[in-house]
Amino acid sequence: MIDRLCHCSVSLFVHAHNPCASLCPQVNYGKPFKMNTVEAMAATLYIAGLKDDAVALLEPFAFGEEFIKINLEALNAYASCTNADEVRI
């Protein structure tokens, strides 16, 4: 189940018009639409309603807290979508 969930949500981030444009780790800082693996996994968990798990996953990383703060509006927007058409808006 989690494999399907991760693939589906990460695909949404990659293929949809992604409002999640401000990323904070040093590797991709300020590069729109680029996430590292842990960011993609955390975003997937957050969007799927597993917000505490997303925060826990990011906790060991220096940028973890900032990733959620900077992308909170976009993550909440994705989390509130009920179908694929809403994701593409």
C-alpha atoms as a PDB file:
ATOM      1  CA  MET A   1       0.000   0.000   0.000  1.00  0.00           C
ATOM      2  CA  ILE A   2       2.676   2.510   0.980  1.00  0.00           C
ATOM      3  CA  ASP A   3       4.610   1.790  -2.240  1.00  0.00           C
ATOM      4  CA  ARG A   4       1.508   2.596  -4.292  1.00  0.00           C
ATOM      5  CA  LEU A   5       0.836   5.706  -2.216  1.00  0.00           C
ATOM      6  CA  CYS A   6       4.409   6.963  -2.553  1.00  0.00           C
ATOM      7  CA  HIS A   7       4.540   6.355  -6.299  1.00  0.00           C
ATOM      8  CA  CYS A   8       1.197   8.054  -6.860  1.00  0.00           C
ATOM      9  CA  SER A   9       1.922  11.146  -4.769  1.00  0.00           C
ATOM     10  CA  VAL A  10       5.481  11.587  -5.990  1.00  0.00           C
ATOM     11  CA  SER A  11       4.165  11.294  -9.536  1.00  0.00           C
ATOM     12  CA  LEU A  12       1.731  14.110  -8.777  1.00  0.00           C
ATOM     13  CA  PHE A  13       4.626  16.298  -7.687  1.00  0.00           C
ATOM     14  CA  VAL A  14       6.683  15.469 -10.733  1.00  0.00           C
ATOM     15  CA  HIS A  15       4.005  15.636 -13.416  1.00  0.00           C
ATOM     16  CA  ALA A  16       1.476  18.167 -12.139  1.00  0.00           C
ATOM     17  CA  HIS A  17       1.895  21.918 -12.039  1.00  0.00           C
ATOM     18  CA  ASN A  18       3.743  21.985  -8.752  1.00  0.00           C
ATOM     19  CA  PRO A  19       3.171  25.003  -6.506  1.00  0.00           C
ATOM     20  CA  CYS A  20       5.790  23.534  -4.166  1.00  0.00           C
ATOM     21  CA  ALA A  21       8.505  25.757  -5.613  1.00  0.00           C
ATOM     22  CA  SER A  22      10.687  26.862  -2.704  1.00  0.00           C
ATOM     23  CA  LEU A  23      12.887  24.098  -1.402  1.00  0.00           C
ATOM     24  CA  CYS A  24      15.424  24.509   1.341  1.00  0.00           C
ATOM     25  CA  PRO A  25      18.208  21.906   1.373  1.00  0.00           C
ATOM     26  CA  GLN A  26      21.592  23.074   0.172  1.00  0.00           C
ATOM     27  CA  VAL A  27      21.651  20.791  -2.874  1.00  0.00           C
ATOM     28  CA  ASN A  28      18.418  22.104  -4.416  1.00  0.00           C
ATOM     29  CA  TYR A  29      17.956  25.387  -2.575  1.00  0.00           C
ATOM     30  CA  GLY A  30      15.896  27.772  -4.676  1.00  0.00           C
ATOM     31  CA  LYS A  31      15.555  25.316  -7.571  1.00  0.00           C
ATOM     32  CA  PRO A  32      11.846  25.040  -8.317  1.00  0.00           C
ATOM     33  CA  PHE A  33      10.333  21.578  -8.766  1.00  0.00           C
ATOM     34  CA  LYS A  34      13.392  19.693  -7.453  1.00  0.00           C
ATOM     35  CA  MET A  35      13.169  17.563  -4.337  1.00  0.00           C
ATOM     36  CA  ASN A  36      15.507  15.071  -2.801  1.00  0.00           C
ATOM     37  CA  THR A  37      14.229  11.638  -1.811  1.00  0.00           C
ATOM     38  CA  VAL A  38      13.401  12.443   1.808  1.00  0.00           C
ATOM     39  CA  GLU A  39      11.487  15.585   0.768  1.00  0.00           C
ATOM     40  CA  ALA A  40       9.460  13.596  -1.753  1.00  0.00           C
ATOM     41  CA  MET A  41       8.684  10.938   0.844  1.00  0.00           C
ATOM     42  CA  ALA A  42       7.762  13.516   3.483  1.00  0.00           C
ATOM     43  CA  ALA A  43       5.573  15.427   1.030  1.00  0.00           C
ATOM     44  CA  THR A  44       3.832  12.170   0.121  1.00  0.00           C
ATOM     45  CA  LEU A  45       3.135  11.381   3.765  1.00  0.00           C
ATOM     46  CA  TYR A  46       1.945  14.931   4.464  1.00  0.00           C
ATOM     47  CA  ILE A  47      -0.404  14.983   1.478  1.00  0.00           C
ATOM     48  CA  ALA A  48      -1.775  11.573   2.438  1.00  0.00           C
ATOM     49  CA  GLY A  49      -2.747  12.945   5.842  1.00  0.00           C
ATOM     50  CA  LEU A  50       0.180  11.458   7.760  1.00  0.00           C
ATOM     51  CA  LYS A  51       1.550  14.844   8.838  1.00  0.00           C
ATOM     52  CA  ASP A  52       3.188  13.621  12.058  1.00  0.00           C
ATOM     53  CA  ASP A  53       5.001  10.914  10.108  1.00  0.00           C
ATOM     54  CA  ALA A  54       6.202  13.485   7.575  1.00  0.00           C
ATOM     55  CA  VAL A  55       7.591  15.687  10.343  1.00  0.00           C
ATOM     56  CA  ALA A  56       9.236  12.680  12.031  1.00  0.00           C
ATOM     57  CA  LEU A  57      10.858  11.603   8.753  1.00  0.00           C
ATOM     58  CA  LEU A  58      12.385  15.067   8.260  1.00  0.00           C
ATOM     59  CA  GLU A  59      13.465  15.481  11.889  1.00  0.00           C
ATOM     60  CA  PRO A  60      17.051  14.175  11.473  1.00  0.00           C
ATOM     61  CA  PHE A  61      17.765  16.660   8.678  1.00  0.00           C
ATOM     62  CA  ALA A  62      18.840  20.254   9.288  1.00  0.00           C
ATOM     63  CA  PHE A  63      16.453  21.473   6.587  1.00  0.00           C
ATOM     64  CA  GLY A  64      13.526  19.297   7.736  1.00  0.00           C
ATOM     65  CA  GLU A  65      11.586  21.850   9.741  1.00  0.00           C
ATOM     66  CA  GLU A  66      12.127  24.535   7.124  1.00  0.00           C
ATOM     67  CA  PHE A  67      10.876  22.283   4.325  1.00  0.00           C
ATOM     68  CA  ILE A  68       7.480  22.017   6.014  1.00  0.00           C
ATOM     69  CA  LYS A  69       7.368  25.724   6.933  1.00  0.00           C
ATOM     70  CA  ILE A  70       8.322  26.989   3.477  1.00  0.00           C
ATOM     71  CA  ASN A  71       6.016  24.584   1.630  1.00  0.00           C
ATOM     72  CA  LEU A  72       3.122  24.525   4.106  1.00  0.00           C
ATOM     73  CA  GLU A  73       0.663  26.352   1.864  1.00  0.00           C
ATOM     74  CA  ALA A  74       1.394  24.121  -1.139  1.00  0.00           C
ATOM     75  CA  LEU A  75       1.342  20.929   0.937  1.00  0.00           C
ATOM     76  CA  ASN A  76      -2.006  21.871   2.468  1.00  0.00           C
ATOM     77  CA  ALA A  77      -3.373  22.735  -0.969  1.00  0.00           C
ATOM     78  CA  TYR A  78      -2.369  19.312  -2.302  1.00  0.00           C
ATOM     79  CA  ALA A  79      -3.698  17.582   0.813  1.00  0.00           C
ATOM     80  CA  SER A  80      -7.105  19.189   0.323  1.00  0.00           C
ATOM     81  CA  CYS A  81      -7.477  17.957  -3.264  1.00  0.00           C
ATOM     82  CA  THR A  82     -10.103  15.287  -3.794  1.00  0.00           C
ATOM     83  CA  ASN A  83      -9.314  14.355  -7.414  1.00  0.00           C
ATOM     84  CA  ALA A  84      -6.643  14.679 -10.106  1.00  0.00           C
ATOM     85  CA  ASP A  85      -8.302  17.693 -11.738  1.00  0.00           C
ATOM     86  CA  GLU A  86      -7.887  19.716  -8.533  1.00  0.00           C
ATOM     87  CA  VAL A  87      -4.200  18.797  -8.380  1.00  0.00           C
ATOM     88  CA  ARG A  88      -3.599  20.201 -11.874  1.00  0.00           C
ATOM     89  CA  ILE A  89      -5.059  23.620 -11.093  1.00  0.00           C
END
